Amino acid sequence: MERAYAPLVRQFSSIKGYQTAYTLVYSLDAAAEGSCQLTLARQGAQEQRVSMLVPLDPEKGYRLLQYLYENAVQPEHWDDVIADHLPALAAAPRGGTAREQ
């Protein structure tokens, strides 16, 4: 049975003079063997949706998604952050991290 990966949802409040309220939803869908689809949707202010097929098994992909969520990576920076971290994650052994090697 294929594992379901829960979307990660981060909400931002309205701060007068600085930002309007919005929500970021980070999600993962398992794709072909050894890859997964990562998606980020910004809802509310300046709505935007970005998605990328990455050559990672879903476990590693979900760890990357958690990193993006924990650091509140915005759609404008999504591609660069993934590109910076993808090589180390792809090289890490299954279940481990690149730093554990």
PDB file of N, CA and C in Angstrom:
ATOM      1  N   MET A   1       0.833  -1.185   0.000  1.00  0.00           N
ATOM      2  CA  MET A   1       0.000   0.000   0.000  1.00  0.00           C
ATOM      3  C   MET A   1       0.877   1.247   0.000  1.00  0.00           C
ATOM      4  N   GLU A   2       0.563   2.189  -0.856  1.00  0.00           N
ATOM      5  CA  GLU A   2       1.339   3.411  -0.981  1.00  0.00           C
ATOM      6  C   GLU A   2       1.049   4.358   0.181  1.00  0.00           C
ATOM      7  N   ARG A   3       2.095   4.939   0.733  1.00  0.00           N
ATOM      8  CA  ARG A   3       1.960   5.858   1.860  1.00  0.00           C
ATOM      9  C   ARG A   3       1.399   7.200   1.376  1.00  0.00           C
ATOM     10  N   ALA A   4       0.513   7.770   2.162  1.00  0.00           N
ATOM     11  CA  ALA A   4      -0.020   9.105   1.868  1.00  0.00           C
ATOM     12  C   ALA A   4       0.810  10.133   2.629  1.00  0.00           C
ATOM     13  N   TYR A   5       1.130  11.221   1.989  1.00  0.00           N
ATOM     14  CA  TYR A   5       1.920  12.286   2.596  1.00  0.00           C
ATOM     15  C   TYR A   5       1.024  13.493   2.820  1.00  0.00           C
ATOM     16  N   ALA A   6       0.862  13.873   4.076  1.00  0.00           N
ATOM     17  CA  ALA A   6      -0.027  14.985   4.428  1.00  0.00           C
ATOM     18  C   ALA A   6       0.561  16.315   3.965  1.00  0.00           C
ATOM     19  N   PRO A   7      -0.278  17.182   3.407  1.00  0.00           N
ATOM     20  CA  PRO A   7       0.201  18.527   3.052  1.00  0.00           C
ATOM     21  C   PRO A   7       0.636  19.269   4.315  1.00  0.00           C
ATOM     22  N   LEU A   8       1.593  20.124   4.161  1.00  0.00           N
ATOM     23  CA  LEU A   8       2.070  20.965   5.258  1.00  0.00           C
ATOM     24  C   LEU A   8       1.531  22.379   5.009  1.00  0.00           C
ATOM     25  N   VAL A   9       0.836  22.932   5.988  1.00  0.00           N
ATOM     26  CA  VAL A   9       0.150  24.211   5.808  1.00  0.00           C
ATOM     27  C   VAL A   9       0.707  25.233   6.789  1.00  0.00           C
ATOM     28  N   ARG A  10       1.142  26.368   6.270  1.00  0.00           N
ATOM     29  CA  ARG A  10       1.672  27.459   7.095  1.00  0.00           C
ATOM     30  C   ARG A  10       0.840  28.706   6.835  1.00  0.00           C
ATOM     31  N   GLN A  11       0.301  29.267   7.907  1.00  0.00           N
ATOM     32  CA  GLN A  11      -0.541  30.462   7.779  1.00  0.00           C
ATOM     33  C   GLN A  11       0.201  31.691   8.285  1.00  0.00           C
ATOM     34  N   PHE A  12       0.012  32.784   7.571  1.00  0.00           N
ATOM     35  CA  PHE A  12       0.605  34.067   7.932  1.00  0.00           C
ATOM     36  C   PHE A  12      -0.514  35.063   8.176  1.00  0.00           C
ATOM     37  N   SER A  13      -0.394  35.814   9.237  1.00  0.00           N
ATOM     38  CA  SER A  13      -1.442  36.766   9.589  1.00  0.00           C
ATOM     39  C   SER A  13      -1.235  38.094   8.879  1.00  0.00           C
ATOM     40  N   SER A  14      -2.274  38.890   8.910  1.00  0.00           N
ATOM     41  CA  SER A  14      -2.215  40.234   8.354  1.00  0.00           C
ATOM     42  C   SER A  14      -1.507  41.141   9.360  1.00  0.00           C
ATOM     43  N   ILE A  15      -0.540  41.887   8.881  1.00  0.00           N
ATOM     44  CA  ILE A  15       0.161  42.857   9.720  1.00  0.00           C
ATOM     45  C   ILE A  15       0.067  44.194   8.997  1.00  0.00           C
ATOM     46  N   LYS A  16      -0.738  45.081   9.540  1.00  0.00           N
ATOM     47  CA  LYS A  16      -1.013  46.362   8.890  1.00  0.00           C
ATOM     48  C   LYS A  16       0.282  47.075   8.515  1.00  0.00           C
ATOM     49  N   GLY A  17       0.356  47.455   7.261  1.00  0.00           N
ATOM     50  CA  GLY A  17       1.527  48.156   6.758  1.00  0.00           C
ATOM     51  C   GLY A  17       2.654  47.248   6.289  1.00  0.00           C
ATOM     52  N   TYR A  18       2.554  45.940   6.562  1.00  0.00           N
ATOM     53  CA  TYR A  18       3.623  45.015   6.181  1.00  0.00           C
ATOM     54  C   TYR A  18       3.159  43.895   5.260  1.00  0.00           C
ATOM     55  N   GLN A  19       2.070  43.210   5.612  1.00  0.00           N
ATOM     56  CA  GLN A  19       1.616  42.089   4.781  1.00  0.00           C
ATOM     57  C   GLN A  19       0.139  41.830   5.005  1.00  0.00           C
ATOM     58  N   THR A  20      -0.478  41.265   3.974  1.00  0.00           N
ATOM     59  CA  THR A  20      -1.854  40.794   4.108  1.00  0.00           C
ATOM     60  C   THR A  20      -1.794  39.307   4.427  1.00  0.00           C
ATOM     61  N   ALA A  21      -2.862  38.787   4.989  1.00  0.00           N
ATOM     62  CA  ALA A  21      -2.896  37.377   5.380  1.00  0.00           C
ATOM     63  C   ALA A  21      -2.788  36.474   4.152  1.00  0.00           C
ATOM     64  N   TYR A  22      -2.058  35.372   4.309  1.00  0.00           N
ATOM     65  CA  TYR A  22      -1.968  34.371   3.251  1.00  0.00           C
ATOM     66  C   TYR A  22      -1.569  33.033   3.846  1.00  0.00           C
ATOM     67  N   THR A  23      -1.695  31.989   3.035  1.00  0.00           N
ATOM     68  CA  THR A  23      -1.388  30.624   3.455  1.00  0.00           C
ATOM     69  C   THR A  23      -0.478  29.981   2.423  1.00  0.00           C
ATOM     70  N   LEU A  24       0.508  29.221   2.898  1.00  0.00           N
ATOM     71  CA  LEU A  24       1.357  28.419   2.022  1.00  0.00           C
ATOM     72  C   LEU A  24       1.016  26.952   2.262  1.00  0.00           C
ATOM     73  N   VAL A  25       0.781  26.211   1.175  1.00  0.00           N
ATOM     74  CA  VAL A  25       0.480  24.783   1.270  1.00  0.00           C
ATOM     75  C   VAL A  25       1.538  24.028   0.479  1.00  0.00           C
ATOM     76  N   TYR A  26       2.324  23.228   1.191  1.00  0.00           N
ATOM     77  CA  TYR A  26       3.387  22.411   0.599  1.00  0.00           C
ATOM     78  C   TYR A  26       2.862  20.982   0.488  1.00  0.00           C
ATOM     79  N   SER A  27       2.949  20.383  -0.690  1.00  0.00           N
ATOM     80  CA  SER A  27       2.426  19.024  -0.845  1.00  0.00           C
ATOM     81  C   SER A  27       3.343  18.169  -1.713  1.00  0.00           C
ATOM     82  N   LEU A  28       3.184  16.857  -1.568  1.00  0.00           N
ATOM     83  CA  LEU A  28       3.986  15.877  -2.298  1.00  0.00           C
ATOM     84  C   LEU A  28       3.062  14.810  -2.856  1.00  0.00           C
ATOM     85  N   ASP A  29       3.303  14.438  -4.102  1.00  0.00           N
ATOM     86  CA  ASP A  29       2.620  13.314  -4.732  1.00  0.00           C
ATOM     87  C   ASP A  29       3.693  12.373  -5.259  1.00  0.00           C
ATOM     88  N   ALA A  30       3.563  11.101  -4.917  1.00  0.00           N
ATOM     89  CA  ALA A  30       4.491  10.100  -5.447  1.00  0.00           C
ATOM     90  C   ALA A  30       4.283  10.015  -6.958  1.00  0.00           C
ATOM     91  N   ALA A  31       5.382   9.951  -7.691  1.00  0.00           N
ATOM     92  CA  ALA A  31       5.313   9.856  -9.151  1.00  0.00           C
ATOM     93  C   ALA A  31       5.889   8.498  -9.556  1.00  0.00           C
ATOM     94  N   ALA A  32       6.529   8.451 -10.684  1.00  0.00           N
ATOM     95  CA  ALA A  32       7.166   7.208 -11.133  1.00  0.00           C
ATOM     96  C   ALA A  32       8.204   6.776 -10.099  1.00  0.00           C
ATOM     97  N   GLU A  33       8.570   5.511 -10.111  1.00  0.00           N
ATOM     98  CA  GLU A  33       9.517   4.987  -9.138  1.00  0.00           C
ATOM     99  C   GLU A  33      10.765   5.864  -9.063  1.00  0.00           C
ATOM    100  N   GLY A  34      11.114   6.262  -7.845  1.00  0.00           N
ATOM    101  CA  GLY A  34      12.317   7.072  -7.651  1.00  0.00           C
ATOM    102  C   GLY A  34      12.122   8.553  -7.872  1.00  0.00           C
ATOM    103  N   SER A  35      10.887   9.009  -7.963  1.00  0.00           N
ATOM    104  CA  SER A  35      10.656  10.448  -8.132  1.00  0.00           C
ATOM    105  C   SER A  35       9.351  10.846  -7.443  1.00  0.00           C
ATOM    106  N   CYS A  36       9.207  12.140  -7.239  1.00  0.00           N
ATOM    107  CA  CYS A  36       7.978  12.662  -6.645  1.00  0.00           C
ATOM    108  C   CYS A  36       7.749  14.096  -7.123  1.00  0.00           C
ATOM    109  N   GLN A  37       6.517  14.519  -7.029  1.00  0.00           N
ATOM    110  CA  GLN A  37       6.102  15.858  -7.451  1.00  0.00           C
ATOM    111  C   GLN A  37       5.923  16.707  -6.199  1.00  0.00           C
ATOM    112  N   LEU A  38       6.703  17.775  -6.081  1.00  0.00           N
ATOM    113  CA  LEU A  38       6.572  18.715  -4.974  1.00  0.00           C
ATOM    114  C   LEU A  38       5.804  19.927  -5.475  1.00  0.00           C
ATOM    115  N   THR A  39       4.872  20.415  -4.671  1.00  0.00           N
ATOM    116  CA  THR A  39       4.045  21.556  -5.067  1.00  0.00           C
ATOM    117  C   THR A  39       3.929  22.531  -3.904  1.00  0.00           C
ATOM    118  N   LEU A  40       3.978  23.812  -4.233  1.00  0.00           N
ATOM    119  CA  LEU A  40       3.758  24.883  -3.262  1.00  0.00           C
ATOM    120  C   LEU A  40       2.686  25.797  -3.821  1.00  0.00           C
ATOM    121  N   ALA A  41       1.635  26.010  -3.042  1.00  0.00           N
ATOM    122  CA  ALA A  41       0.558  26.919  -3.446  1.00  0.00           C
ATOM    123  C   ALA A  41       0.441  28.020  -2.412  1.00  0.00           C
ATOM    124  N   ARG A  42       0.496  29.269  -2.874  1.00  0.00           N
ATOM    125  CA  ARG A  42       0.250  30.411  -1.988  1.00  0.00           C
ATOM    126  C   ARG A  42      -1.185  30.841  -2.218  1.00  0.00           C
ATOM    127  N   GLN A  43      -1.956  30.871  -1.146  1.00  0.00           N
ATOM    128  CA  GLN A  43      -3.367  31.241  -1.210  1.00  0.00           C
ATOM    129  C   GLN A  43      -3.561  32.541  -0.455  1.00  0.00           C
ATOM    130  N   GLY A  44      -4.423  33.390  -0.985  1.00  0.00           N
ATOM    131  CA  GLY A  44      -4.665  34.693  -0.356  1.00  0.00           C
ATOM    132  C   GLY A  44      -3.947  35.762  -1.157  1.00  0.00           C
ATOM    133  N   ALA A  45      -3.073  36.509  -0.504  1.00  0.00           N
ATOM    134  CA  ALA A  45      -2.339  37.589  -1.169  1.00  0.00           C
ATOM    135  C   ALA A  45      -1.396  37.024  -2.225  1.00  0.00           C
ATOM    136  N   GLN A  46      -1.371  37.626  -3.377  1.00  0.00           N
ATOM    137  CA  GLN A  46      -0.458  37.256  -4.472  1.00  0.00           C
ATOM    138  C   GLN A  46      -0.448  35.747  -4.725  1.00  0.00           C
ATOM    139  N   GLU A  47      -1.614  35.199  -5.027  1.00  0.00           N
ATOM    140  CA  GLU A  47      -1.728  33.751  -5.237  1.00  0.00           C
ATOM    141  C   GLU A  47      -0.774  33.274  -6.322  1.00  0.00           C
ATOM    142  N   GLN A  48      -0.172  32.136  -6.052  1.00  0.00           N
ATOM    143  CA  GLN A  48       0.782  31.549  -6.985  1.00  0.00           C
ATOM    144  C   GLN A  48       0.913  30.068  -6.686  1.00  0.00           C
ATOM    145  N   ARG A  49       1.197  29.279  -7.717  1.00  0.00           N
ATOM    146  CA  ARG A  49       1.385  27.832  -7.552  1.00  0.00           C
ATOM    147  C   ARG A  49       2.601  27.426  -8.374  1.00  0.00           C
ATOM    148  N   VAL A  50       3.523  26.700  -7.726  1.00  0.00           N
ATOM    149  CA  VAL A  50       4.703  26.182  -8.413  1.00  0.00           C
ATOM    150  C   VAL A  50       4.803  24.694  -8.109  1.00  0.00           C
ATOM    151  N   SER A  51       5.368  23.953  -9.043  1.00  0.00           N
ATOM    152  CA  SER A  51       5.474  22.514  -8.876  1.00  0.00           C
ATOM    153  C   SER A  51       6.736  22.033  -9.581  1.00  0.00           C
ATOM    154  N   MET A  52       7.324  20.965  -9.033  1.00  0.00           N
ATOM    155  CA  MET A  52       8.546  20.440  -9.625  1.00  0.00           C
ATOM    156  C   MET A  52       8.615  18.928  -9.411  1.00  0.00           C
ATOM    157  N   LEU A  53       8.944  18.213 -10.468  1.00  0.00           N
ATOM    158  CA  LEU A  53       9.200  16.777 -10.386  1.00  0.00           C
ATOM    159  C   LEU A  53      10.665  16.620  -9.996  1.00  0.00           C
ATOM    160  N   VAL A  54      10.920  15.938  -8.880  1.00  0.00           N
ATOM    161  CA  VAL A  54      12.292  15.778  -8.406  1.00  0.00           C
ATOM    162  C   VAL A  54      12.674  14.299  -8.391  1.00  0.00           C
ATOM    163  N   PRO A  55      13.943  13.998  -8.680  1.00  0.00           N
ATOM    164  CA  PRO A  55      14.393  12.602  -8.737  1.00  0.00           C
ATOM    165  C   PRO A  55      14.735  12.048  -7.351  1.00  0.00           C
ATOM    166  N   LEU A  56      13.751  12.084  -6.451  1.00  0.00           N
ATOM    167  CA  LEU A  56      13.927  11.570  -5.094  1.00  0.00           C
ATOM    168  C   LEU A  56      12.789  10.618  -4.782  1.00  0.00           C
ATOM    169  N   ASP A  57      13.075   9.570  -4.004  1.00  0.00           N
ATOM    170  CA  ASP A  57      11.975   8.731  -3.554  1.00  0.00           C
ATOM    171  C   ASP A  57      11.117   9.588  -2.613  1.00  0.00           C
ATOM    172  N   PRO A  58       9.858   9.245  -2.410  1.00  0.00           N
ATOM    173  CA  PRO A  58       8.969  10.088  -1.616  1.00  0.00           C
ATOM    174  C   PRO A  58       9.454  10.383  -0.195  1.00  0.00           C
ATOM    175  N   GLU A  59      10.160   9.439   0.452  1.00  0.00           N
ATOM    176  CA  GLU A  59      10.672   9.706   1.798  1.00  0.00           C
ATOM    177  C   GLU A  59      11.637  10.888   1.796  1.00  0.00           C
ATOM    178  N   LYS A  60      12.596  10.852   0.884  1.00  0.00           N
ATOM    179  CA  LYS A  60      13.557  11.956   0.782  1.00  0.00           C
ATOM    180  C   LYS A  60      12.856  13.227   0.312  1.00  0.00           C
ATOM    181  N   GLY A  61      11.923  13.085  -0.602  1.00  0.00           N
ATOM    182  CA  GLY A  61      11.178  14.243  -1.087  1.00  0.00           C
ATOM    183  C   GLY A  61      10.393  14.925   0.021  1.00  0.00           C
ATOM    184  N   TYR A  62       9.823  14.108   0.921  1.00  0.00           N
ATOM    185  CA  TYR A  62       9.045  14.682   2.022  1.00  0.00           C
ATOM    186  C   TYR A  62       9.951  15.403   3.015  1.00  0.00           C
ATOM    187  N   ARG A  63      11.158  14.895   3.222  1.00  0.00           N
ATOM    188  CA  ARG A  63      12.113  15.612   4.085  1.00  0.00           C
ATOM    189  C   ARG A  63      12.464  16.964   3.479  1.00  0.00           C
ATOM    190  N   LEU A  64      12.652  17.002   2.170  1.00  0.00           N
ATOM    191  CA  LEU A  64      12.912  18.281   1.506  1.00  0.00           C
ATOM    192  C   LEU A  64      11.703  19.204   1.653  1.00  0.00           C
ATOM    193  N   LEU A  65      10.514  18.660   1.491  1.00  0.00           N
ATOM    194  CA  LEU A  65       9.299  19.446   1.649  1.00  0.00           C
ATOM    195  C   LEU A  65       9.199  20.008   3.074  1.00  0.00           C
ATOM    196  N   GLN A  66       9.541  19.200   4.064  1.00  0.00           N
ATOM    197  CA  GLN A  66       9.527  19.674   5.452  1.00  0.00           C
ATOM    198  C   GLN A  66      10.522  20.815   5.649  1.00  0.00           C
ATOM    199  N   TYR A  67      11.687  20.722   5.028  1.00  0.00           N
ATOM    200  CA  TYR A  67      12.675  21.791   5.112  1.00  0.00           C
ATOM    201  C   TYR A  67      12.117  23.082   4.514  1.00  0.00           C
ATOM    202  N   LEU A  68      11.499  22.966   3.341  1.00  0.00           N
ATOM    203  CA  LEU A  68      10.915  24.132   2.689  1.00  0.00           C
ATOM    204  C   LEU A  68       9.837  24.756   3.580  1.00  0.00           C
ATOM    205  N   TYR A  69       9.006  23.910   4.183  1.00  0.00           N
ATOM    206  CA  TYR A  69       7.941  24.362   5.081  1.00  0.00           C
ATOM    207  C   TYR A  69       8.521  25.041   6.324  1.00  0.00           C
ATOM    208  N   GLU A  70       9.466  24.377   6.990  1.00  0.00           N
ATOM    209  CA  GLU A  70      10.055  24.919   8.227  1.00  0.00           C
ATOM    210  C   GLU A  70      10.714  26.278   7.997  1.00  0.00           C
ATOM    211  N   ASN A  71      11.220  26.497   6.784  1.00  0.00           N
ATOM    212  CA  ASN A  71      11.891  27.754   6.464  1.00  0.00           C
ATOM    213  C   ASN A  71      10.997  28.726   5.699  1.00  0.00           C
ATOM    214  N   ALA A  72       9.713  28.368   5.578  1.00  0.00           N
ATOM    215  CA  ALA A  72       8.715  29.231   4.920  1.00  0.00           C
ATOM    216  C   ALA A  72       9.204  29.728   3.558  1.00  0.00           C
ATOM    217  N   VAL A  73       9.794  28.806   2.778  1.00  0.00           N
ATOM    218  CA  VAL A  73      10.289  29.176   1.450  1.00  0.00           C
ATOM    219  C   VAL A  73       9.106  29.589   0.582  1.00  0.00           C
ATOM    220  N   GLN A  74       9.217  30.755  -0.030  1.00  0.00           N
ATOM    221  CA  GLN A  74       8.174  31.333  -0.861  1.00  0.00           C
ATOM    222  C   GLN A  74       8.310  30.841  -2.310  1.00  0.00           C
ATOM    223  N   PRO A  75       7.233  30.923  -3.087  1.00  0.00           N
ATOM    224  CA  PRO A  75       7.290  30.461  -4.489  1.00  0.00           C
ATOM    225  C   PRO A  75       8.389  31.126  -5.306  1.00  0.00           C
ATOM    226  N   GLU A  76       8.705  32.367  -5.018  1.00  0.00           N
ATOM    227  CA  GLU A  76       9.735  33.087  -5.780  1.00  0.00           C
ATOM    228  C   GLU A  76      11.130  32.488  -5.589  1.00  0.00           C
ATOM    229  N   HIS A  77      11.357  31.782  -4.487  1.00  0.00           N
ATOM    230  CA  HIS A  77      12.676  31.231  -4.174  1.00  0.00           C
ATOM    231  C   HIS A  77      12.722  29.704  -4.249  1.00  0.00           C
ATOM    232  N   TRP A  78      11.579  29.109  -4.500  1.00  0.00           N
ATOM    233  CA  TRP A  78      11.388  27.653  -4.519  1.00  0.00           C
ATOM    234  C   TRP A  78      12.436  26.942  -5.371  1.00  0.00           C
ATOM    235  N   ASP A  79      12.569  27.324  -6.640  1.00  0.00           N
ATOM    236  CA  ASP A  79      13.493  26.646  -7.564  1.00  0.00           C
ATOM    237  C   ASP A  79      14.938  26.694  -7.062  1.00  0.00           C
ATOM    238  N   ASP A  80      15.376  27.862  -6.598  1.00  0.00           N
ATOM    239  CA  ASP A  80      16.763  28.011  -6.150  1.00  0.00           C
ATOM    240  C   ASP A  80      17.055  27.158  -4.922  1.00  0.00           C
ATOM    241  N   VAL A  81      16.146  27.140  -3.963  1.00  0.00           N
ATOM    242  CA  VAL A  81      16.370  26.371  -2.732  1.00  0.00           C
ATOM    243  C   VAL A  81      16.398  24.881  -3.044  1.00  0.00           C
ATOM    244  N   ILE A  82      15.487  24.425  -3.872  1.00  0.00           N
ATOM    245  CA  ILE A  82      15.481  23.007  -4.249  1.00  0.00           C
ATOM    246  C   ILE A  82      16.773  22.656  -4.991  1.00  0.00           C
ATOM    247  N   ALA A  83      17.183  23.497  -5.925  1.00  0.00           N
ATOM    248  CA  ALA A  83      18.413  23.239  -6.688  1.00  0.00           C
ATOM    249  C   ALA A  83      19.630  23.166  -5.770  1.00  0.00           C
ATOM    250  N   ASP A  84      19.653  23.978  -4.713  1.00  0.00           N
ATOM    251  CA  ASP A  84      20.775  23.965  -3.769  1.00  0.00           C
ATOM    252  C   ASP A  84      20.828  22.672  -2.955  1.00  0.00           C
ATOM    253  N   HIS A  85      19.695  22.103  -2.596  1.00  0.00           N
ATOM    254  CA  HIS A  85      19.652  20.946  -1.708  1.00  0.00           C
ATOM    255  C   HIS A  85      19.487  19.602  -2.408  1.00  0.00           C
ATOM    256  N   LEU A  86      19.036  19.601  -3.630  1.00  0.00           N
ATOM    257  CA  LEU A  86      18.755  18.366  -4.342  1.00  0.00           C
ATOM    258  C   LEU A  86      19.974  17.455  -4.509  1.00  0.00           C
ATOM    259  N   PRO A  87      21.147  17.965  -4.901  1.00  0.00           N
ATOM    260  CA  PRO A  87      22.289  17.058  -5.092  1.00  0.00           C
ATOM    261  C   PRO A  87      22.663  16.275  -3.830  1.00  0.00           C
ATOM    262  N   ALA A  88      22.666  16.924  -2.675  1.00  0.00           N
ATOM    263  CA  ALA A  88      23.032  16.246  -1.426  1.00  0.00           C
ATOM    264  C   ALA A  88      21.990  15.202  -1.047  1.00  0.00           C
ATOM    265  N   LEU A  89      20.720  15.530  -1.228  1.00  0.00           N
ATOM    266  CA  LEU A  89      19.662  14.572  -0.897  1.00  0.00           C
ATOM    267  C   LEU A  89      19.687  13.374  -1.835  1.00  0.00           C
ATOM    268  N   ALA A  90      19.920  13.617  -3.108  1.00  0.00           N
ATOM    269  CA  ALA A  90      19.949  12.521  -4.085  1.00  0.00           C
ATOM    270  C   ALA A  90      21.116  11.573  -3.796  1.00  0.00           C
ATOM    271  N   ALA A  91      22.220  12.105  -3.258  1.00  0.00           N
ATOM    272  CA  ALA A  91      23.396  11.286  -2.982  1.00  0.00           C
ATOM    273  C   ALA A  91      23.316  10.571  -1.636  1.00  0.00           C
ATOM    274  N   ALA A  92      22.430  11.024  -0.748  1.00  0.00           N
ATOM    275  CA  ALA A  92      22.321  10.429   0.592  1.00  0.00           C
ATOM    276  C   ALA A  92      21.758   9.011   0.505  1.00  0.00           C
ATOM    277  N   PRO A  93      22.208   8.131   1.391  1.00  0.00           N
ATOM    278  CA  PRO A  93      21.639   6.780   1.404  1.00  0.00           C
ATOM    279  C   PRO A  93      20.178   6.828   1.806  1.00  0.00           C
ATOM    280  N   ARG A  94      19.427   5.840   1.400  1.00  0.00           N
ATOM    281  CA  ARG A  94      17.995   5.788   1.725  1.00  0.00           C
ATOM    282  C   ARG A  94      17.804   5.869   3.236  1.00  0.00           C
ATOM    283  N   GLY A  95      16.982   6.822   3.652  1.00  0.00           N
ATOM    284  CA  GLY A  95      16.672   6.969   5.071  1.00  0.00           C
ATOM    285  C   GLY A  95      17.663   7.864   5.798  1.00  0.00           C
ATOM    286  N   GLY A  96      18.833   8.143   5.230  1.00  0.00           N
ATOM    287  CA  GLY A  96      19.814   8.985   5.888  1.00  0.00           C
ATOM    288  C   GLY A  96      19.848  10.372   5.308  1.00  0.00           C
ATOM    289  N   THR A  97      20.744  11.165   5.814  1.00  0.00           N
ATOM    290  CA  THR A  97      20.949  12.503   5.269  1.00  0.00           C
ATOM    291  C   THR A  97      22.373  12.596   4.748  1.00  0.00           C
ATOM    292  N   ALA A  98      22.610  13.587   3.940  1.00  0.00           N
ATOM    293  CA  ALA A  98      23.945  13.757   3.369  1.00  0.00           C
ATOM    294  C   ALA A  98      24.975  14.014   4.470  1.00  0.00           C
ATOM    295  N   ARG A  99      24.580  14.683   5.537  1.00  0.00           N
ATOM    296  CA  ARG A  99      25.504  14.998   6.618  1.00  0.00           C
ATOM    297  C   ARG A  99      25.902  13.748   7.421  1.00  0.00           C
ATOM    298  N   GLU A 100      25.112  12.683   7.362  1.00  0.00           N
ATOM    299  CA  GLU A 100      25.398  11.478   8.122  1.00  0.00           C
ATOM    300  C   GLU A 100      26.422  10.579   7.438  1.00  0.00           C
ATOM    301  N   GLN A 101      26.799  10.885   6.208  1.00  0.00           N
ATOM    302  CA  GLN A 101      27.742  10.033   5.479  1.00  0.00           C
ATOM    303  C   GLN A 101      29.144  10.134   6.034  1.00  0.00           C
TER     304      GLN A 101
END
